[in-house]
Amino acid sequence: MRREFEEPVRPRSEQVIGREELLGRARDQLSRGGSVLLYGPPGIGKSTVLRAITTEYAESARTVLRCSATESESHLPFLALVDLLGLVADEVADTLPAPQQAALEAALTGRAEPSLHQDGLALRLAVLSVLRALAAKGPVLLVADDLQWLDAPSAELLGFAARRLGGVPVRMLGAVRTGTEPKEQEHDPYLRAYPPETLALRLPPLSRPQVSELLAGRGYPGLRRSTLRDIHHTSGGNPLFALELGRTKCSALLNDMLVVPRVSRFPRVVRVLRACGRR
């Protein structure tokens, strides 16, 4: 009997700051069997949130399929498909008709050069059949990071399958980079690789208290309010930028203190070290 997704036991994972509401919405969507797409500018924390959600829901899935695209490899056709299905396709390959088997093998092994024009329907149906067959054995979680660099053939194949999965227990979770100031619907093109009712969630900037909490958790506690204000303003609430600014400011303070060889300054050096969390 096919088992449906269950509400997961949430393990402790890396700390996610300031994303409680967003995580709640993602959990609600996934618990209903839906799919989620995270989007936002570089450094906003998409991959961190993606990992946190994946860690929670991987336990309730029989099969977890993953890919993480990179810009330098985005020109390689079917690479994401290889990452997603390369290790699991053999489990269900014998259930596919011969034309689908041949088309899928060509795409996954590179022994031939499949074309979405020449082998298009067979390959599209093969990907759909593999996902259905895997889901027949238990829930499937498909995770894709940096969708903006997904190779075009893989994106088209995923979109074809996603639009036809219906009530099959395959949940898709992804993240895509958008501009520094995301335009309305900028993420829409990437939704084509996801099911029709996918929930798109934009990661907003962190507030000043959230930036303070983030810095404290990464080893920079006790920074002055003026310093925190400057970091938050300069970073725009971007977690990656805030962490880099925190590191830079603490390093500058330490260098300023340590170049003055006066014993009377030692207590202040200790205070700076403690404030930066580098004891």
C-alpha atoms as a PDB file:
ATOM      1  CA  MET A   1       0.000   0.000   0.000  1.00  0.00           C
ATOM      2  CA  ARG A   2       1.311   3.439  -0.895  1.00  0.00           C
ATOM      3  CA  ARG A   3       1.995   5.484   2.215  1.00  0.00           C
ATOM      4  CA  GLU A   4       1.347   9.208   2.119  1.00  0.00           C
ATOM      5  CA  PHE A   5       3.610  11.906   3.492  1.00  0.00           C
ATOM      6  CA  GLU A   6       3.598  12.214   7.249  1.00  0.00           C
ATOM      7  CA  GLU A   7       4.229  15.293   9.377  1.00  0.00           C
ATOM      8  CA  PRO A   8       7.947  14.988  10.160  1.00  0.00           C
ATOM      9  CA  VAL A   9       9.679  15.023  13.493  1.00  0.00           C
ATOM     10  CA  ARG A  10      11.706  18.207  13.270  1.00  0.00           C
ATOM     11  CA  PRO A  11      15.364  17.513  14.058  1.00  0.00           C
ATOM     12  CA  ARG A  12      17.764  20.166  15.248  1.00  0.00           C
ATOM     13  CA  SER A  13      19.658  21.573  12.306  1.00  0.00           C
ATOM     14  CA  GLU A  14      21.573  24.749  11.501  1.00  0.00           C
ATOM     15  CA  GLN A  15      19.949  27.785  13.056  1.00  0.00           C
ATOM     16  CA  VAL A  16      17.638  29.718  10.765  1.00  0.00           C
ATOM     17  CA  ILE A  17      17.137  33.328  11.896  1.00  0.00           C
ATOM     18  CA  GLY A  18      14.083  35.429  11.110  1.00  0.00           C
ATOM     19  CA  ARG A  19      12.306  32.941   8.867  1.00  0.00           C
ATOM     20  CA  GLU A  20       9.665  31.569  11.219  1.00  0.00           C
ATOM     21  CA  GLU A  21       6.645  32.815   9.255  1.00  0.00           C
ATOM     22  CA  LEU A  22       8.107  31.701   5.944  1.00  0.00           C
ATOM     23  CA  LEU A  23       8.999  28.263   7.321  1.00  0.00           C
ATOM     24  CA  GLY A  24       5.472  27.922   8.679  1.00  0.00           C
ATOM     25  CA  ARG A  25       3.940  28.623   5.280  1.00  0.00           C
ATOM     26  CA  ALA A  26       6.323  26.200   3.586  1.00  0.00           C
ATOM     27  CA  ARG A  27       5.511  23.477   6.117  1.00  0.00           C
ATOM     28  CA  ASP A  28       1.775  23.954   5.625  1.00  0.00           C
ATOM     29  CA  GLN A  29       2.168  23.661   1.866  1.00  0.00           C
ATOM     30  CA  LEU A  30       4.402  20.580   2.013  1.00  0.00           C
ATOM     31  CA  SER A  31       2.234  18.886   4.631  1.00  0.00           C
ATOM     32  CA  ARG A  32      -0.670  19.109   2.172  1.00  0.00           C
ATOM     33  CA  GLY A  33       1.459  17.400  -0.457  1.00  0.00           C
ATOM     34  CA  GLY A  34       2.249  20.632  -2.306  1.00  0.00           C
ATOM     35  CA  SER A  35       5.491  22.054  -3.639  1.00  0.00           C
ATOM     36  CA  VAL A  36       7.489  25.170  -2.694  1.00  0.00           C
ATOM     37  CA  LEU A  37       9.799  27.524  -4.594  1.00  0.00           C
ATOM     38  CA  LEU A  38      12.006  29.920  -2.598  1.00  0.00           C
ATOM     39  CA  TYR A  39      13.364  33.020  -4.313  1.00  0.00           C
ATOM     40  CA  GLY A  40      15.392  36.109  -3.493  1.00  0.00           C
ATOM     41  CA  PRO A  41      18.700  37.884  -4.171  1.00  0.00           C
ATOM     42  CA  PRO A  42      22.193  36.400  -3.591  1.00  0.00           C
ATOM     43  CA  GLY A  43      23.097  35.951   0.079  1.00  0.00           C
ATOM     44  CA  ILE A  44      19.534  36.244   1.400  1.00  0.00           C
ATOM     45  CA  GLY A  45      19.617  32.702   2.808  1.00  0.00           C
ATOM     46  CA  LYS A  46      17.718  30.608   0.258  1.00  0.00           C
ATOM     47  CA  SER A  47      20.073  27.638   0.471  1.00  0.00           C
ATOM     48  CA  THR A  48      20.040  27.745   4.274  1.00  0.00           C
ATOM     49  CA  VAL A  49      16.242  27.628   4.380  1.00  0.00           C
ATOM     50  CA  LEU A  50      16.202  24.979   1.647  1.00  0.00           C
ATOM     51  CA  ARG A  51      18.538  22.751   3.679  1.00  0.00           C
ATOM     52  CA  ALA A  52      16.487  23.248   6.834  1.00  0.00           C
ATOM     53  CA  ILE A  53      13.227  22.261   5.140  1.00  0.00           C
ATOM     54  CA  THR A  54      14.881  19.344   3.361  1.00  0.00           C
ATOM     55  CA  THR A  55      16.270  18.043   6.648  1.00  0.00           C
ATOM     56  CA  GLU A  56      12.788  18.119   8.167  1.00  0.00           C
ATOM     57  CA  TYR A  57      10.935  16.422   5.343  1.00  0.00           C
ATOM     58  CA  ALA A  58      13.552  13.964   4.095  1.00  0.00           C
ATOM     59  CA  GLU A  59      12.675  11.641   6.982  1.00  0.00           C
ATOM     60  CA  SER A  60       9.098  11.239   5.737  1.00  0.00           C
ATOM     61  CA  ALA A  61      10.108  10.501   2.147  1.00  0.00           C
ATOM     62  CA  ARG A  62      11.158   7.103   0.851  1.00  0.00           C
ATOM     63  CA  THR A  63      13.228   8.703  -1.905  1.00  0.00           C
ATOM     64  CA  VAL A  64      15.013  12.067  -1.874  1.00  0.00           C
ATOM     65  CA  LEU A  65      16.243  13.349  -5.236  1.00  0.00           C
ATOM     66  CA  ARG A  66      18.672  16.287  -5.215  1.00  0.00           C
ATOM     67  CA  CYS A  67      20.477  18.559  -7.608  1.00  0.00           C
ATOM     68  CA  SER A  68      22.353  21.828  -7.191  1.00  0.00           C
ATOM     69  CA  ALA A  69      23.069  23.615 -10.444  1.00  0.00           C
ATOM     70  CA  THR A  70      26.144  25.762 -11.063  1.00  0.00           C
ATOM     71  CA  GLU A  71      26.751  28.504 -13.595  1.00  0.00           C
ATOM     72  CA  SER A  72      29.879  26.854 -15.012  1.00  0.00           C
ATOM     73  CA  GLU A  73      27.945  23.664 -15.850  1.00  0.00           C
ATOM     74  CA  SER A  74      24.665  25.163 -17.004  1.00  0.00           C
ATOM     75  CA  HIS A  75      25.558  24.526 -20.654  1.00  0.00           C
ATOM     76  CA  LEU A  76      25.739  20.741 -20.159  1.00  0.00           C
ATOM     77  CA  PRO A  77      22.452  19.154 -21.305  1.00  0.00           C
ATOM     78  CA  PHE A  78      20.672  16.738 -18.963  1.00  0.00           C
ATOM     79  CA  LEU A  79      23.191  17.279 -16.128  1.00  0.00           C
ATOM     80  CA  ALA A  80      20.490  18.035 -13.553  1.00  0.00           C
ATOM     81  CA  LEU A  81      18.576  14.973 -14.744  1.00  0.00           C
ATOM     82  CA  VAL A  82      21.693  12.868 -14.140  1.00  0.00           C
ATOM     83  CA  ASP A  83      22.038  14.277 -10.617  1.00  0.00           C
ATOM     84  CA  LEU A  84      18.373  13.624  -9.856  1.00  0.00           C
ATOM     85  CA  LEU A  85      17.791  10.219 -11.429  1.00  0.00           C
ATOM     86  CA  GLY A  86      21.220   8.773 -12.152  1.00  0.00           C
ATOM     87  CA  LEU A  87      21.353   6.649  -8.992  1.00  0.00           C
ATOM     88  CA  VAL A  88      17.702   5.601  -8.808  1.00  0.00           C
ATOM     89  CA  ALA A  89      16.522   5.055 -12.374  1.00  0.00           C
ATOM     90  CA  ASP A  90      17.706   1.430 -12.357  1.00  0.00           C
ATOM     91  CA  GLU A  91      15.238   0.671  -9.548  1.00  0.00           C
ATOM     92  CA  VAL A  92      12.322   1.107 -11.914  1.00  0.00           C
ATOM     93  CA  ALA A  93      13.880   0.939 -15.391  1.00  0.00           C
ATOM     94  CA  ASP A  94      12.385  -2.481 -16.106  1.00  0.00           C
ATOM     95  CA  THR A  95       8.882  -1.002 -15.794  1.00  0.00           C
ATOM     96  CA  LEU A  96       9.467   1.356 -18.738  1.00  0.00           C
ATOM     97  CA  PRO A  97       8.662   0.558 -22.369  1.00  0.00           C
ATOM     98  CA  ALA A  98      11.751  -0.058 -24.514  1.00  0.00           C
ATOM     99  CA  PRO A  99      11.696   3.338 -26.301  1.00  0.00           C
ATOM    100  CA  GLN A 100      11.541   5.145 -22.957  1.00  0.00           C
ATOM    101  CA  GLN A 101      14.347   3.009 -21.528  1.00  0.00           C
ATOM    102  CA  ALA A 102      16.567   3.756 -24.505  1.00  0.00           C
ATOM    103  CA  ALA A 103      15.903   7.494 -24.427  1.00  0.00           C
ATOM    104  CA  LEU A 104      16.479   7.734 -20.673  1.00  0.00           C
ATOM    105  CA  GLU A 105      19.664   5.667 -20.801  1.00  0.00           C
ATOM    106  CA  ALA A 106      21.052   7.890 -23.539  1.00  0.00           C
ATOM    107  CA  ALA A 107      20.346  11.013 -21.476  1.00  0.00           C
ATOM    108  CA  LEU A 108      21.763   9.616 -18.232  1.00  0.00           C
ATOM    109  CA  THR A 109      24.887   7.935 -19.596  1.00  0.00           C
ATOM    110  CA  GLY A 110      25.900  10.205 -22.446  1.00  0.00           C
ATOM    111  CA  ARG A 111      26.569   7.166 -24.641  1.00  0.00           C
ATOM    112  CA  ALA A 112      24.396   8.752 -27.270  1.00  0.00           C
ATOM    113  CA  GLU A 113      23.216  12.293 -27.793  1.00  0.00           C
ATOM    114  CA  PRO A 114      19.479  12.357 -27.129  1.00  0.00           C
ATOM    115  CA  SER A 115      17.525  15.280 -28.450  1.00  0.00           C
ATOM    116  CA  LEU A 116      14.322  16.727 -27.100  1.00  0.00           C
ATOM    117  CA  HIS A 117      13.279  17.070 -30.726  1.00  0.00           C
ATOM    118  CA  GLN A 118      14.198  13.580 -31.913  1.00  0.00           C
ATOM    119  CA  ASP A 119      13.538  11.592 -28.710  1.00  0.00           C
ATOM    120  CA  GLY A 120      11.346  14.206 -27.094  1.00  0.00           C
ATOM    121  CA  LEU A 121       8.163  12.355 -26.256  1.00  0.00           C
ATOM    122  CA  ALA A 122       9.885   9.123 -25.213  1.00  0.00           C
ATOM    123  CA  LEU A 123      12.281  10.970 -22.915  1.00  0.00           C
ATOM    124  CA  ARG A 124       9.561  13.147 -21.408  1.00  0.00           C
ATOM    125  CA  LEU A 125       7.387  10.119 -20.735  1.00  0.00           C
ATOM    126  CA  ALA A 126      10.372   8.240 -19.307  1.00  0.00           C
ATOM    127  CA  VAL A 127      11.023  10.924 -16.675  1.00  0.00           C
ATOM    128  CA  LEU A 128       7.334  11.013 -15.785  1.00  0.00           C
ATOM    129  CA  SER A 129       7.210   7.208 -15.576  1.00  0.00           C
ATOM    130  CA  VAL A 130      10.281   7.037 -13.322  1.00  0.00           C
ATOM    131  CA  LEU A 131       8.821   9.555 -10.876  1.00  0.00           C
ATOM    132  CA  ARG A 132       5.488   7.728 -10.820  1.00  0.00           C
ATOM    133  CA  ALA A 133       7.181   4.366 -10.291  1.00  0.00           C
ATOM    134  CA  LEU A 134       9.351   5.698  -7.459  1.00  0.00           C
ATOM    135  CA  ALA A 135       6.302   7.320  -5.843  1.00  0.00           C
ATOM    136  CA  ALA A 136       4.427   4.012  -6.043  1.00  0.00           C
ATOM    137  CA  LYS A 137       6.998   2.648  -3.577  1.00  0.00           C
ATOM    138  CA  GLY A 138       6.691   5.631  -1.233  1.00  0.00           C
ATOM    139  CA  PRO A 139       6.732   9.452  -1.146  1.00  0.00           C
ATOM    140  CA  VAL A 140       9.355  11.281  -3.196  1.00  0.00           C
ATOM    141  CA  LEU A 141      10.979  14.615  -2.304  1.00  0.00           C
ATOM    142  CA  LEU A 142      12.726  16.382  -5.194  1.00  0.00           C
ATOM    143  CA  VAL A 143      15.081  19.191  -4.137  1.00  0.00           C
ATOM    144  CA  ALA A 144      16.735  21.596  -6.588  1.00  0.00           C
ATOM    145  CA  ASP A 145      18.945  24.534  -5.606  1.00  0.00           C
ATOM    146  CA  ASP A 146      20.032  27.416  -7.857  1.00  0.00           C
ATOM    147  CA  LEU A 147      17.373  26.787 -10.466  1.00  0.00           C
ATOM    148  CA  GLN A 148      18.567  29.807 -12.442  1.00  0.00           C
ATOM    149  CA  TRP A 149      21.481  27.642 -13.632  1.00  0.00           C
ATOM    150  CA  LEU A 150      19.520  24.482 -14.361  1.00  0.00           C
ATOM    151  CA  ASP A 151      20.281  23.246 -17.864  1.00  0.00           C
ATOM    152  CA  ALA A 152      17.391  23.903 -20.233  1.00  0.00           C
ATOM    153  CA  PRO A 153      16.654  20.276 -21.254  1.00  0.00           C
ATOM    154  CA  SER A 154      16.419  19.137 -17.621  1.00  0.00           C
ATOM    155  CA  ALA A 155      14.166  22.069 -16.745  1.00  0.00           C
ATOM    156  CA  GLU A 156      11.848  21.247 -19.640  1.00  0.00           C
ATOM    157  CA  LEU A 157      11.681  17.562 -18.665  1.00  0.00           C
ATOM    158  CA  LEU A 158      10.909  18.382 -15.036  1.00  0.00           C
ATOM    159  CA  GLY A 159       8.206  20.801 -16.091  1.00  0.00           C
ATOM    160  CA  PHE A 160       6.574  18.213 -18.340  1.00  0.00           C
ATOM    161  CA  ALA A 161       6.509  15.660 -15.521  1.00  0.00           C
ATOM    162  CA  ALA A 162       5.443  18.147 -12.835  1.00  0.00           C
ATOM    163  CA  ARG A 163       2.376  19.214 -14.798  1.00  0.00           C
ATOM    164  CA  ARG A 164       1.220  15.592 -15.063  1.00  0.00           C
ATOM    165  CA  LEU A 165       1.918  14.143 -11.632  1.00  0.00           C
ATOM    166  CA  GLY A 166      -1.502  15.080 -10.267  1.00  0.00           C
ATOM    167  CA  GLY A 167      -2.066  13.383  -6.916  1.00  0.00           C
ATOM    168  CA  VAL A 168       1.105  11.281  -7.126  1.00  0.00           C
ATOM    169  CA  PRO A 169       3.093  11.802  -3.873  1.00  0.00           C
ATOM    170  CA  VAL A 170       6.004  13.730  -5.354  1.00  0.00           C
ATOM    171  CA  ARG A 171       6.803  17.014  -3.634  1.00  0.00           C
ATOM    172  CA  MET A 172       9.180  19.495  -5.216  1.00  0.00           C
ATOM    173  CA  LEU A 173      11.256  21.973  -3.232  1.00  0.00           C
ATOM    174  CA  GLY A 174      13.498  24.492  -4.948  1.00  0.00           C
ATOM    175  CA  ALA A 175      15.342  27.785  -4.709  1.00  0.00           C
ATOM    176  CA  VAL A 176      16.157  30.357  -7.374  1.00  0.00           C
ATOM    177  CA  ARG A 177      18.193  33.554  -7.393  1.00  0.00           C
ATOM    178  CA  THR A 178      16.467  36.755  -8.437  1.00  0.00           C
ATOM    179  CA  GLY A 179      17.638  40.361  -8.559  1.00  0.00           C
ATOM    180  CA  THR A 180      18.740  42.425  -5.582  1.00  0.00           C
ATOM    181  CA  GLU A 181      15.353  44.121  -5.712  1.00  0.00           C
ATOM    182  CA  PRO A 182      13.109  41.333  -7.022  1.00  0.00           C
ATOM    183  CA  LYS A 183      10.640  42.513  -9.622  1.00  0.00           C
ATOM    184  CA  GLU A 184       7.074  41.304  -9.475  1.00  0.00           C
ATOM    185  CA  GLN A 185       6.771  37.814 -11.008  1.00  0.00           C
ATOM    186  CA  GLU A 186      10.526  37.655 -11.746  1.00  0.00           C
ATOM    187  CA  HIS A 187      10.495  34.076 -10.502  1.00  0.00           C
ATOM    188  CA  ASP A 188       7.651  33.011 -12.797  1.00  0.00           C
ATOM    189  CA  PRO A 189       9.801  31.414 -15.536  1.00  0.00           C
ATOM    190  CA  TYR A 190      11.197  28.932 -13.010  1.00  0.00           C
ATOM    191  CA  LEU A 191       7.734  27.847 -11.922  1.00  0.00           C
ATOM    192  CA  ARG A 192       7.411  26.142 -15.304  1.00  0.00           C
ATOM    193  CA  ALA A 193       9.553  23.305 -13.941  1.00  0.00           C
ATOM    194  CA  TYR A 194       7.209  22.888 -10.954  1.00  0.00           C
ATOM    195  CA  PRO A 195       3.617  21.693 -10.410  1.00  0.00           C
ATOM    196  CA  PRO A 196       0.828  24.209 -11.158  1.00  0.00           C
ATOM    197  CA  GLU A 197      -0.093  24.905  -7.519  1.00  0.00           C
ATOM    198  CA  THR A 198       3.474  25.485  -6.291  1.00  0.00           C
ATOM    199  CA  LEU A 199       3.778  28.081  -3.516  1.00  0.00           C
ATOM    200  CA  ALA A 200       6.400  30.743  -4.331  1.00  0.00           C
ATOM    201  CA  LEU A 201       7.953  32.393  -1.271  1.00  0.00           C
ATOM    202  CA  ARG A 202      10.259  35.421  -1.387  1.00  0.00           C
ATOM    203  CA  LEU A 203      12.855  35.683   1.377  1.00  0.00           C
ATOM    204  CA  PRO A 204      12.763  39.247   2.772  1.00  0.00           C
ATOM    205  CA  PRO A 205      15.698  41.108   4.384  1.00  0.00           C
ATOM    206  CA  LEU A 206      16.369  40.566   8.088  1.00  0.00           C
ATOM    207  CA  SER A 207      15.412  43.209  10.632  1.00  0.00           C
ATOM    208  CA  ARG A 208      18.050  44.851  12.834  1.00  0.00           C
ATOM    209  CA  PRO A 209      17.271  42.590  15.851  1.00  0.00           C
ATOM    210  CA  GLN A 210      17.465  39.554  13.569  1.00  0.00           C
ATOM    211  CA  VAL A 211      20.842  40.679  12.215  1.00  0.00           C
ATOM    212  CA  SER A 212      22.028  41.106  15.812  1.00  0.00           C
ATOM    213  CA  GLU A 213      20.857  37.575  16.637  1.00  0.00           C
ATOM    214  CA  LEU A 214      22.559  36.209  13.531  1.00  0.00           C
ATOM    215  CA  LEU A 215      25.869  37.879  14.361  1.00  0.00           C
ATOM    216  CA  ALA A 216      25.735  36.728  17.977  1.00  0.00           C
ATOM    217  CA  GLY A 217      25.091  33.168  16.870  1.00  0.00           C
ATOM    218  CA  ARG A 218      28.082  33.246  14.524  1.00  0.00           C
ATOM    219  CA  GLY A 219      30.580  34.467  17.101  1.00  0.00           C
ATOM    220  CA  TYR A 220      30.108  38.250  17.095  1.00  0.00           C
ATOM    221  CA  PRO A 221      28.102  38.980  20.279  1.00  0.00           C
ATOM    222  CA  GLY A 222      27.996  42.232  22.214  1.00  0.00           C
ATOM    223  CA  LEU A 223      28.580  44.609  19.310  1.00  0.00           C
ATOM    224  CA  ARG A 224      27.678  48.233  19.972  1.00  0.00           C
ATOM    225  CA  ARG A 225      24.276  49.461  18.880  1.00  0.00           C
ATOM    226  CA  SER A 226      25.866  51.952  16.519  1.00  0.00           C
ATOM    227  CA  THR A 227      27.925  49.171  14.943  1.00  0.00           C
ATOM    228  CA  LEU A 228      24.855  46.961  14.548  1.00  0.00           C
ATOM    229  CA  ARG A 229      22.939  49.866  13.067  1.00  0.00           C
ATOM    230  CA  ASP A 230      25.706  50.461  10.528  1.00  0.00           C
ATOM    231  CA  ILE A 231      25.933  46.766   9.645  1.00  0.00           C
ATOM    232  CA  HIS A 232      22.184  46.487   9.161  1.00  0.00           C
ATOM    233  CA  HIS A 233      21.994  49.652   7.081  1.00  0.00           C
ATOM    234  CA  THR A 234      24.968  48.779   4.874  1.00  0.00           C
ATOM    235  CA  SER A 235      23.965  45.151   4.367  1.00  0.00           C
ATOM    236  CA  GLY A 236      20.318  45.963   3.751  1.00  0.00           C
ATOM    237  CA  GLY A 237      19.401  43.053   6.007  1.00  0.00           C
ATOM    238  CA  ASN A 238      21.175  40.542   3.758  1.00  0.00           C
ATOM    239  CA  PRO A 239      22.514  37.751   6.042  1.00  0.00           C
ATOM    240  CA  LEU A 240      25.632  36.993   3.989  1.00  0.00           C
ATOM    241  CA  PHE A 241      26.613  40.644   3.695  1.00  0.00           C
ATOM    242  CA  ALA A 242      25.891  41.252   7.394  1.00  0.00           C
ATOM    243  CA  LEU A 243      28.156  38.378   8.446  1.00  0.00           C
ATOM    244  CA  GLU A 244      30.971  39.615   6.237  1.00  0.00           C
ATOM    245  CA  LEU A 245      30.613  43.149   7.611  1.00  0.00           C
ATOM    246  CA  GLY A 246      30.590  41.802  11.164  1.00  0.00           C
ATOM    247  CA  ARG A 247      33.781  39.864  10.532  1.00  0.00           C
ATOM    248  CA  THR A 248      35.435  42.846   8.889  1.00  0.00           C
ATOM    249  CA  LYS A 249      34.494  45.280  11.647  1.00  0.00           C
ATOM    250  CA  CYS A 250      35.714  42.966  14.399  1.00  0.00           C
ATOM    251  CA  SER A 251      38.961  42.339  12.525  1.00  0.00           C
ATOM    252  CA  ALA A 252      39.484  46.085  12.136  1.00  0.00           C
ATOM    253  CA  LEU A 253      38.896  46.668  15.855  1.00  0.00           C
ATOM    254  CA  LEU A 254      41.324  43.913  16.771  1.00  0.00           C
ATOM    255  CA  ASN A 255      44.006  45.216  14.431  1.00  0.00           C
ATOM    256  CA  ASP A 256      43.569  48.724  15.806  1.00  0.00           C
ATOM    257  CA  MET A 257      44.064  47.488  19.356  1.00  0.00           C
ATOM    258  CA  LEU A 258      46.897  45.049  18.733  1.00  0.00           C
ATOM    259  CA  VAL A 259      49.182  47.448  16.877  1.00  0.00           C
ATOM    260  CA  VAL A 260      49.474  49.653  19.981  1.00  0.00           C
ATOM    261  CA  PRO A 261      52.069  47.959  22.244  1.00  0.00           C
ATOM    262  CA  ARG A 262      50.949  49.512  25.496  1.00  0.00           C
ATOM    263  CA  VAL A 263      50.129  47.381  28.478  1.00  0.00           C
ATOM    264  CA  SER A 264      47.473  49.870  29.506  1.00  0.00           C
ATOM    265  CA  ARG A 265      45.540  48.982  26.379  1.00  0.00           C
ATOM    266  CA  PHE A 266      45.435  45.246  27.130  1.00  0.00           C
ATOM    267  CA  PRO A 267      42.122  45.341  29.042  1.00  0.00           C
ATOM    268  CA  ARG A 268      40.466  47.009  26.066  1.00  0.00           C
ATOM    269  CA  VAL A 269      41.928  44.372  23.745  1.00  0.00           C
ATOM    270  CA  VAL A 270      40.336  41.718  25.918  1.00  0.00           C
ATOM    271  CA  ARG A 271      37.001  43.519  25.732  1.00  0.00           C
ATOM    272  CA  VAL A 272      37.185  43.663  21.954  1.00  0.00           C
ATOM    273  CA  LEU A 273      38.101  39.998  21.776  1.00  0.00           C
ATOM    274  CA  ARG A 274      35.131  39.130  23.948  1.00  0.00           C
ATOM    275  CA  ALA A 275      32.819  41.395  21.969  1.00  0.00           C
ATOM    276  CA  CYS A 276      33.845  39.656  18.776  1.00  0.00           C
ATOM    277  CA  GLY A 277      33.449  36.236  20.318  1.00  0.00           C
ATOM    278  CA  ARG A 278      37.095  35.287  19.638  1.00  0.00           C
ATOM    279  CA  ARG A 279      38.362  34.291  23.023  1.00  0.00           C
END
